[in-house]
């Protein structure tokens, strides 16, 4: 009977071993989590840069083609220049800040309209500038 108890006791983990394993896992997670959050932030910033570049190109193309600036971002999608207005990756909504220009951008342009677009986010980017200034 005593040999059975000894054989059964050696097959499990002790409390100390479990605490050591959990401590190591917590240390690894505390190192990995900030790196993960930073990579998510950088990817959102890359998407923001690409979206701004695309919308600015489309605004310029619309202005040259129609000889007037778009009056809203919805004009770009309804005219077929964009399929949909992208969501701002920093706010998660399609609430872009548009800049209306009174001066004419092109020689043949007859009406002013939107000439630039910015993020509506008030947050600061990883390089220290505001997203709304991009």
N, C-alpha and C. Protein backbone atom coordinates (compact mmCIF):
# COMPACT_ATOMS: atom_id res chain seq x y z
N UNK A 1 0.81 -1.18 0.00
CA UNK A 1 0.00 0.00 0.00
C UNK A 1 0.87 1.26 0.00
N UNK A 2 1.94 1.26 0.76
CA UNK A 2 2.82 2.41 0.84
C UNK A 2 3.52 2.67 -0.48
N UNK A 3 3.81 1.61 -1.24
CA UNK A 3 4.46 1.80 -2.53
C UNK A 3 3.52 2.46 -3.54
N UNK A 4 2.21 2.20 -3.41
CA UNK A 4 1.23 2.83 -4.29
C UNK A 4 1.16 4.34 -4.03
N UNK A 5 1.20 4.77 -2.81
CA UNK A 5 1.13 6.19 -2.48
C UNK A 5 2.36 6.93 -2.99
N UNK A 6 3.51 6.34 -2.87
CA UNK A 6 4.74 6.97 -3.36
C UNK A 6 4.71 7.11 -4.88
N UNK A 7 4.20 6.10 -5.57
CA UNK A 7 4.14 6.15 -7.04
C UNK A 7 3.15 7.22 -7.50
N UNK A 8 2.06 7.40 -6.79
CA UNK A 8 1.05 8.39 -7.16
C UNK A 8 1.49 9.81 -6.90
N UNK A 9 2.29 10.04 -5.91
CA UNK A 9 2.70 11.40 -5.54
C UNK A 9 3.68 11.99 -6.55
N UNK A 10 4.48 11.23 -7.19
CA UNK A 10 5.51 11.75 -8.08
C UNK A 10 5.00 12.15 -9.47
N UNK A 11 3.75 11.88 -9.79
CA UNK A 11 3.27 12.15 -11.14
C UNK A 11 2.72 13.56 -11.33
N UNK A 12 2.52 14.36 -10.30
CA UNK A 12 1.95 15.70 -10.42
C UNK A 12 2.99 16.79 -10.23
N UNK A 13 2.53 18.06 -10.31
CA UNK A 13 3.40 19.21 -10.10
C UNK A 13 3.21 19.73 -8.69
N UNK A 14 4.27 20.27 -8.13
CA UNK A 14 4.16 20.88 -6.81
C UNK A 14 3.68 22.31 -6.96
N UNK A 15 3.22 22.87 -5.90
CA UNK A 15 2.76 24.25 -5.90
C UNK A 15 3.89 25.20 -6.30
N UNK A 16 5.09 24.94 -5.85
CA UNK A 16 6.24 25.78 -6.16
C UNK A 16 6.53 25.75 -7.67
N UNK A 17 6.49 24.58 -8.27
CA UNK A 17 6.72 24.47 -9.71
C UNK A 17 5.67 25.25 -10.49
N UNK A 18 4.42 25.14 -10.09
CA UNK A 18 3.34 25.86 -10.77
C UNK A 18 3.52 27.37 -10.63
N UNK A 19 3.92 27.84 -9.47
CA UNK A 19 4.13 29.28 -9.27
C UNK A 19 5.30 29.79 -10.11
N UNK A 20 6.33 29.00 -10.25
CA UNK A 20 7.47 29.40 -11.07
C UNK A 20 7.05 29.52 -12.53
N UNK A 21 6.30 28.55 -13.02
CA UNK A 21 5.83 28.57 -14.41
C UNK A 21 4.92 29.78 -14.65
N UNK A 22 4.00 30.03 -13.74
CA UNK A 22 3.10 31.18 -13.88
C UNK A 22 3.88 32.49 -13.83
N UNK A 23 4.88 32.58 -12.97
CA UNK A 23 5.70 33.79 -12.89
C UNK A 23 6.45 34.04 -14.20
N UNK A 24 7.00 32.99 -14.77
CA UNK A 24 7.71 33.13 -16.05
C UNK A 24 6.74 33.57 -17.15
N UNK A 25 5.55 33.00 -17.17
CA UNK A 25 4.55 33.39 -18.17
C UNK A 25 4.16 34.86 -18.01
N UNK A 26 3.99 35.32 -16.79
CA UNK A 26 3.63 36.72 -16.55
C UNK A 26 4.75 37.67 -16.98
N UNK A 27 5.98 37.30 -16.74
CA UNK A 27 7.12 38.12 -17.17
C UNK A 27 7.15 38.22 -18.69
N UNK A 28 6.97 37.09 -19.37
CA UNK A 28 6.97 37.09 -20.83
C UNK A 28 5.82 37.93 -21.39
N UNK A 29 4.65 37.83 -20.78
CA UNK A 29 3.50 38.62 -21.24
C UNK A 29 3.73 40.11 -21.00
N UNK A 30 4.36 40.47 -19.90
CA UNK A 30 4.60 41.89 -19.63
C UNK A 30 5.60 42.49 -20.61
N UNK A 31 6.44 41.67 -21.20
CA UNK A 31 7.37 42.14 -22.23
C UNK A 31 6.67 42.18 -23.59
N UNK A 32 5.86 41.18 -23.89
CA UNK A 32 5.25 41.05 -25.21
C UNK A 32 4.09 42.01 -25.44
N UNK A 33 3.32 42.32 -24.42
CA UNK A 33 2.13 43.15 -24.59
C UNK A 33 2.45 44.57 -25.09
N UNK A 34 3.42 45.28 -24.54
CA UNK A 34 3.74 46.61 -25.09
C UNK A 34 4.23 46.55 -26.54
N UNK A 35 4.98 45.54 -26.88
CA UNK A 35 5.45 45.39 -28.25
C UNK A 35 4.27 45.15 -29.20
N UNK A 36 3.33 44.33 -28.77
CA UNK A 36 2.13 44.08 -29.56
C UNK A 36 1.32 45.35 -29.75
N UNK A 37 1.09 46.11 -28.68
CA UNK A 37 0.33 47.36 -28.77
C UNK A 37 1.02 48.36 -29.69
N UNK A 38 2.34 48.42 -29.64
CA UNK A 38 3.08 49.34 -30.49
C UNK A 38 2.95 48.93 -31.97
N UNK A 39 2.96 47.65 -32.26
CA UNK A 39 2.82 47.20 -33.64
C UNK A 39 1.42 47.49 -34.17
N UNK A 40 0.40 47.37 -33.33
CA UNK A 40 -0.97 47.71 -33.72
C UNK A 40 -1.06 49.20 -34.03
N UNK A 41 -0.47 50.02 -33.20
CA UNK A 41 -0.50 51.47 -33.41
C UNK A 41 0.20 51.86 -34.71
N UNK A 42 1.36 51.25 -34.96
CA UNK A 42 2.09 51.56 -36.19
C UNK A 42 1.32 51.12 -37.44
N UNK A 43 0.63 50.01 -37.36
CA UNK A 43 -0.15 49.56 -38.51
C UNK A 43 -1.33 50.49 -38.76
N UNK A 44 -1.98 50.98 -37.70
CA UNK A 44 -3.07 51.95 -37.87
C UNK A 44 -2.54 53.26 -38.46
N UNK A 45 -1.34 53.67 -38.06
CA UNK A 45 -0.74 54.88 -38.63
C UNK A 45 -0.42 54.69 -40.10
N UNK A 46 0.03 53.51 -40.49
CA UNK A 46 0.32 53.23 -41.89
C UNK A 46 -0.96 53.27 -42.73
N UNK A 47 -2.04 52.73 -42.18
CA UNK A 47 -3.33 52.77 -42.88
C UNK A 47 -3.81 54.21 -43.01
N UNK A 48 -3.64 55.01 -41.98
CA UNK A 48 -4.03 56.42 -42.02
C UNK A 48 -3.26 57.16 -43.10
N UNK A 49 -1.96 56.96 -43.16
CA UNK A 49 -1.15 57.62 -44.19
C UNK A 49 -1.62 57.23 -45.59
N UNK A 50 -1.88 55.94 -45.80
CA UNK A 50 -2.32 55.48 -47.12
C UNK A 50 -3.69 56.03 -47.47
N UNK A 51 -4.61 56.05 -46.51
CA UNK A 51 -5.95 56.58 -46.77
C UNK A 51 -5.89 58.07 -47.11
N UNK A 52 -5.09 58.83 -46.37
CA UNK A 52 -4.96 60.26 -46.65
C UNK A 52 -4.35 60.49 -48.03
N UNK A 53 -3.34 59.72 -48.38
CA UNK A 53 -2.70 59.84 -49.70
C UNK A 53 -3.72 59.56 -50.81
N UNK A 54 -4.49 58.49 -50.66
CA UNK A 54 -5.48 58.12 -51.66
C UNK A 54 -6.56 59.19 -51.79
N UNK A 55 -7.10 59.64 -50.66
CA UNK A 55 -8.17 60.64 -50.74
C UNK A 55 -7.68 61.96 -51.32
N UNK A 56 -6.46 62.34 -51.01
CA UNK A 56 -5.92 63.58 -51.59
C UNK A 56 -5.73 63.46 -53.09
N UNK A 57 -5.27 62.29 -53.54
CA UNK A 57 -5.14 62.07 -54.99
C UNK A 57 -6.50 62.12 -55.67
N UNK A 58 -7.49 61.50 -55.05
CA UNK A 58 -8.83 61.46 -55.63
C UNK A 58 -9.45 62.85 -55.65
N UNK A 59 -9.24 63.64 -54.61
CA UNK A 59 -9.75 65.02 -54.59
C UNK A 59 -9.13 65.82 -55.74
N UNK A 60 -7.83 65.69 -55.94
CA UNK A 60 -7.16 66.40 -57.04
C UNK A 60 -7.70 65.93 -58.39
N UNK A 61 -7.88 64.62 -58.56
CA UNK A 61 -8.38 64.09 -59.83
C UNK A 61 -9.81 64.56 -60.09
N UNK A 62 -10.65 64.56 -59.06
CA UNK A 62 -12.02 65.04 -59.18
C UNK A 62 -12.02 66.51 -59.61
N UNK A 63 -11.17 67.30 -58.98
CA UNK A 63 -11.10 68.73 -59.28
C UNK A 63 -10.69 68.96 -60.73
N UNK A 64 -9.72 68.21 -61.20
CA UNK A 64 -9.27 68.36 -62.58
C UNK A 64 -10.32 67.88 -63.57
N UNK A 65 -10.98 66.78 -63.27
CA UNK A 65 -11.98 66.22 -64.19
C UNK A 65 -13.25 67.05 -64.25
N UNK A 66 -13.77 67.45 -63.11
CA UNK A 66 -15.07 68.14 -63.04
C UNK A 66 -14.94 69.65 -63.13
N UNK A 67 -13.72 70.16 -63.07
CA UNK A 67 -13.43 71.59 -63.09
C UNK A 67 -14.08 72.33 -61.91
N UNK A 68 -14.27 71.59 -60.84
CA UNK A 68 -14.73 72.18 -59.58
C UNK A 68 -14.34 71.22 -58.48
N UNK A 69 -14.12 71.77 -57.29
CA UNK A 69 -13.75 70.94 -56.16
C UNK A 69 -14.96 70.21 -55.60
N UNK A 70 -14.77 69.04 -55.02
CA UNK A 70 -15.90 68.34 -54.40
C UNK A 70 -16.42 69.15 -53.21
N UNK A 71 -17.71 69.15 -53.03
CA UNK A 71 -18.30 69.90 -51.92
C UNK A 71 -18.34 69.07 -50.64
N UNK A 72 -18.25 67.75 -50.79
CA UNK A 72 -18.19 66.85 -49.64
C UNK A 72 -17.47 65.58 -50.07
N UNK A 73 -17.07 64.77 -49.10
CA UNK A 73 -16.42 63.51 -49.43
C UNK A 73 -17.39 62.54 -50.10
N UNK A 74 -18.68 62.68 -49.83
CA UNK A 74 -19.68 61.83 -50.46
C UNK A 74 -19.73 62.05 -51.97
N UNK A 75 -19.35 63.25 -52.43
CA UNK A 75 -19.28 63.50 -53.88
C UNK A 75 -18.28 62.57 -54.55
N UNK A 76 -17.22 62.25 -53.84
CA UNK A 76 -16.18 61.37 -54.40
C UNK A 76 -16.71 59.94 -54.59
N UNK A 77 -17.50 59.47 -53.65
CA UNK A 77 -18.03 58.11 -53.77
C UNK A 77 -19.21 58.06 -54.73
N UNK A 78 -20.05 59.07 -54.73
CA UNK A 78 -21.20 59.05 -55.64
C UNK A 78 -20.78 59.24 -57.10
N UNK A 79 -19.64 59.86 -57.34
CA UNK A 79 -19.14 60.04 -58.70
C UNK A 79 -18.28 58.88 -59.17
N UNK A 80 -18.03 57.92 -58.31
CA UNK A 80 -17.26 56.73 -58.69
C UNK A 80 -15.76 56.86 -58.51
N UNK A 81 -15.30 57.90 -57.89
CA UNK A 81 -13.86 58.04 -57.66
C UNK A 81 -13.39 57.15 -56.51
N UNK A 82 -14.26 56.93 -55.55
CA UNK A 82 -14.02 56.00 -54.44
C UNK A 82 -15.23 55.10 -54.31
N UNK A 83 -15.00 53.82 -53.96
CA UNK A 83 -16.15 52.93 -53.74
C UNK A 83 -16.90 53.35 -52.48
N UNK A 84 -16.16 53.52 -51.41
CA UNK A 84 -16.73 53.98 -50.14
C UNK A 84 -15.72 54.92 -49.49
N UNK A 85 -16.22 55.78 -48.64
CA UNK A 85 -15.34 56.64 -47.87
C UNK A 85 -14.78 55.79 -46.73
N UNK A 86 -13.47 55.68 -46.67
CA UNK A 86 -12.82 54.84 -45.66
C UNK A 86 -13.06 55.41 -44.27
N UNK A 87 -13.04 54.51 -43.29
CA UNK A 87 -13.14 54.95 -41.90
C UNK A 87 -11.76 55.42 -41.44
N UNK A 88 -11.77 56.46 -40.65
CA UNK A 88 -10.54 56.95 -40.05
C UNK A 88 -10.05 55.87 -39.08
N UNK A 89 -8.85 55.30 -39.30
CA UNK A 89 -8.39 54.22 -38.43
C UNK A 89 -8.15 54.65 -36.98
N UNK A 90 -8.02 55.93 -36.74
CA UNK A 90 -7.78 56.40 -35.39
C UNK A 90 -9.08 56.62 -34.61
N UNK A 91 -10.16 56.96 -35.29
CA UNK A 91 -11.44 57.18 -34.61
C UNK A 91 -12.42 56.03 -34.85
N UNK A 92 -12.20 55.25 -35.89
CA UNK A 92 -13.09 54.15 -36.22
C UNK A 92 -14.37 54.57 -36.91
N UNK A 93 -14.45 55.82 -37.32
CA UNK A 93 -15.64 56.35 -37.98
C UNK A 93 -15.22 57.10 -39.24
N UNK A 94 -16.18 57.37 -40.11
CA UNK A 94 -15.91 58.14 -41.34
C UNK A 94 -16.10 59.63 -41.07
N UNK A 95 -15.45 60.13 -40.06
CA UNK A 95 -15.62 61.52 -39.64
C UNK A 95 -14.35 62.34 -39.95
N UNK A 96 -13.94 62.34 -41.20
CA UNK A 96 -12.75 63.07 -41.62
C UNK A 96 -12.99 64.57 -41.52
N UNK A 97 -11.94 65.31 -41.20
CA UNK A 97 -12.02 66.77 -41.23
C UNK A 97 -11.59 67.23 -42.61
N UNK A 98 -12.47 67.95 -43.28
CA UNK A 98 -12.15 68.44 -44.62
C UNK A 98 -11.77 69.90 -44.55
N UNK A 99 -10.92 70.30 -45.47
CA UNK A 99 -10.48 71.68 -45.55
C UNK A 99 -11.02 72.28 -46.84
N UNK A 100 -11.89 73.27 -46.69
CA UNK A 100 -12.45 73.97 -47.84
C UNK A 100 -11.48 75.05 -48.29
N UNK A 101 -11.24 75.11 -49.57
CA UNK A 101 -10.34 76.14 -50.11
C UNK A 101 -11.12 77.10 -50.97
N UNK A 102 -10.88 78.35 -50.77
CA UNK A 102 -11.56 79.38 -51.56
C UNK A 102 -10.83 79.65 -52.89
N UNK A 103 -9.52 79.42 -52.89
CA UNK A 103 -8.78 79.65 -54.13
C UNK A 103 -8.96 78.45 -55.06
N UNK A 104 -8.76 78.69 -56.33
CA UNK A 104 -8.93 77.64 -57.34
C UNK A 104 -7.61 76.90 -57.52
N UNK A 105 -7.67 75.58 -57.55
CA UNK A 105 -6.48 74.74 -57.64
C UNK A 105 -6.01 74.55 -59.07
N UNK A 106 -6.94 74.46 -60.00
CA UNK A 106 -6.60 74.19 -61.40
C UNK A 106 -6.98 75.40 -62.26
N UNK A 107 -6.37 75.50 -63.42
CA UNK A 107 -6.61 76.63 -64.32
C UNK A 107 -8.06 76.66 -64.79
N UNK A 108 -8.61 75.50 -65.12
CA UNK A 108 -9.97 75.41 -65.64
C UNK A 108 -11.03 75.32 -64.55
N UNK A 109 -10.62 75.30 -63.30
CA UNK A 109 -11.56 75.13 -62.20
C UNK A 109 -12.50 76.31 -62.10
N UNK A 110 -13.79 76.02 -61.96
CA UNK A 110 -14.79 77.08 -61.92
C UNK A 110 -15.33 77.35 -60.51
N UNK A 111 -15.33 76.34 -59.65
CA UNK A 111 -15.85 76.50 -58.29
C UNK A 111 -14.85 75.95 -57.29
N UNK A 112 -14.70 76.61 -56.14
CA UNK A 112 -13.85 76.04 -55.08
C UNK A 112 -14.57 74.90 -54.38
N UNK A 113 -13.85 74.18 -53.56
CA UNK A 113 -14.44 73.07 -52.81
C UNK A 113 -13.40 72.51 -51.86
N UNK A 114 -13.52 71.24 -51.57
CA UNK A 114 -12.57 70.57 -50.67
C UNK A 114 -11.23 70.47 -51.38
N UNK A 115 -10.17 70.84 -50.66
CA UNK A 115 -8.83 70.71 -51.24
C UNK A 115 -7.92 69.83 -50.40
N UNK A 116 -8.34 69.50 -49.17
CA UNK A 116 -7.51 68.65 -48.33
C UNK A 116 -8.38 67.95 -47.29
N UNK A 117 -7.83 66.88 -46.72
CA UNK A 117 -8.55 66.10 -45.73
C UNK A 117 -7.56 65.70 -44.63
N UNK A 118 -8.05 65.64 -43.39
CA UNK A 118 -7.22 65.29 -42.24
C UNK A 118 -8.00 64.34 -41.33
N UNK A 119 -7.28 63.67 -40.44
CA UNK A 119 -7.91 62.82 -39.44
C UNK A 119 -8.64 63.68 -38.42
N UNK A 120 -9.73 63.16 -37.89
CA UNK A 120 -10.49 63.88 -36.86
C UNK A 120 -9.99 63.55 -35.46
N UNK A 121 -8.97 62.73 -35.36
CA UNK A 121 -8.45 62.31 -34.06
C UNK A 121 -7.64 63.41 -33.40
N UNK A 122 -7.75 63.52 -32.08
CA UNK A 122 -6.97 64.48 -31.32
C UNK A 122 -5.73 63.85 -30.71
N UNK A 123 -5.49 62.58 -31.00
CA UNK A 123 -4.37 61.85 -30.41
C UNK A 123 -3.04 62.26 -31.04
N UNK A 124 -1.97 61.92 -30.34
CA UNK A 124 -0.61 62.21 -30.81
C UNK A 124 -0.02 60.93 -31.39
N UNK A 125 0.66 61.04 -32.51
CA UNK A 125 1.23 59.87 -33.19
C UNK A 125 2.52 59.43 -32.51
N UNK A 126 3.07 58.34 -32.99
CA UNK A 126 4.31 57.81 -32.41
C UNK A 126 5.50 58.71 -32.70
N UNK A 127 5.39 59.59 -33.71
CA UNK A 127 6.49 60.51 -33.98
C UNK A 127 6.31 61.87 -33.28
N UNK A 128 5.25 62.00 -32.47
CA UNK A 128 5.06 63.20 -31.66
C UNK A 128 4.18 64.27 -32.28
N UNK A 129 3.67 64.05 -33.50
CA UNK A 129 2.78 65.03 -34.13
C UNK A 129 1.34 64.57 -33.97
N UNK A 130 0.43 65.52 -34.08
CA UNK A 130 -1.00 65.18 -33.98
C UNK A 130 -1.46 64.55 -35.29
N UNK A 131 -2.33 63.54 -35.18
CA UNK A 131 -2.87 62.90 -36.38
C UNK A 131 -3.64 63.90 -37.24
N UNK A 132 -4.25 64.87 -36.59
CA UNK A 132 -5.03 65.86 -37.34
C UNK A 132 -4.16 66.80 -38.16
N UNK A 133 -2.84 66.77 -37.95
CA UNK A 133 -1.95 67.64 -38.74
C UNK A 133 -1.35 66.91 -39.94
N UNK A 134 -1.63 65.63 -40.08
CA UNK A 134 -1.06 64.88 -41.21
C UNK A 134 -1.75 65.25 -42.50
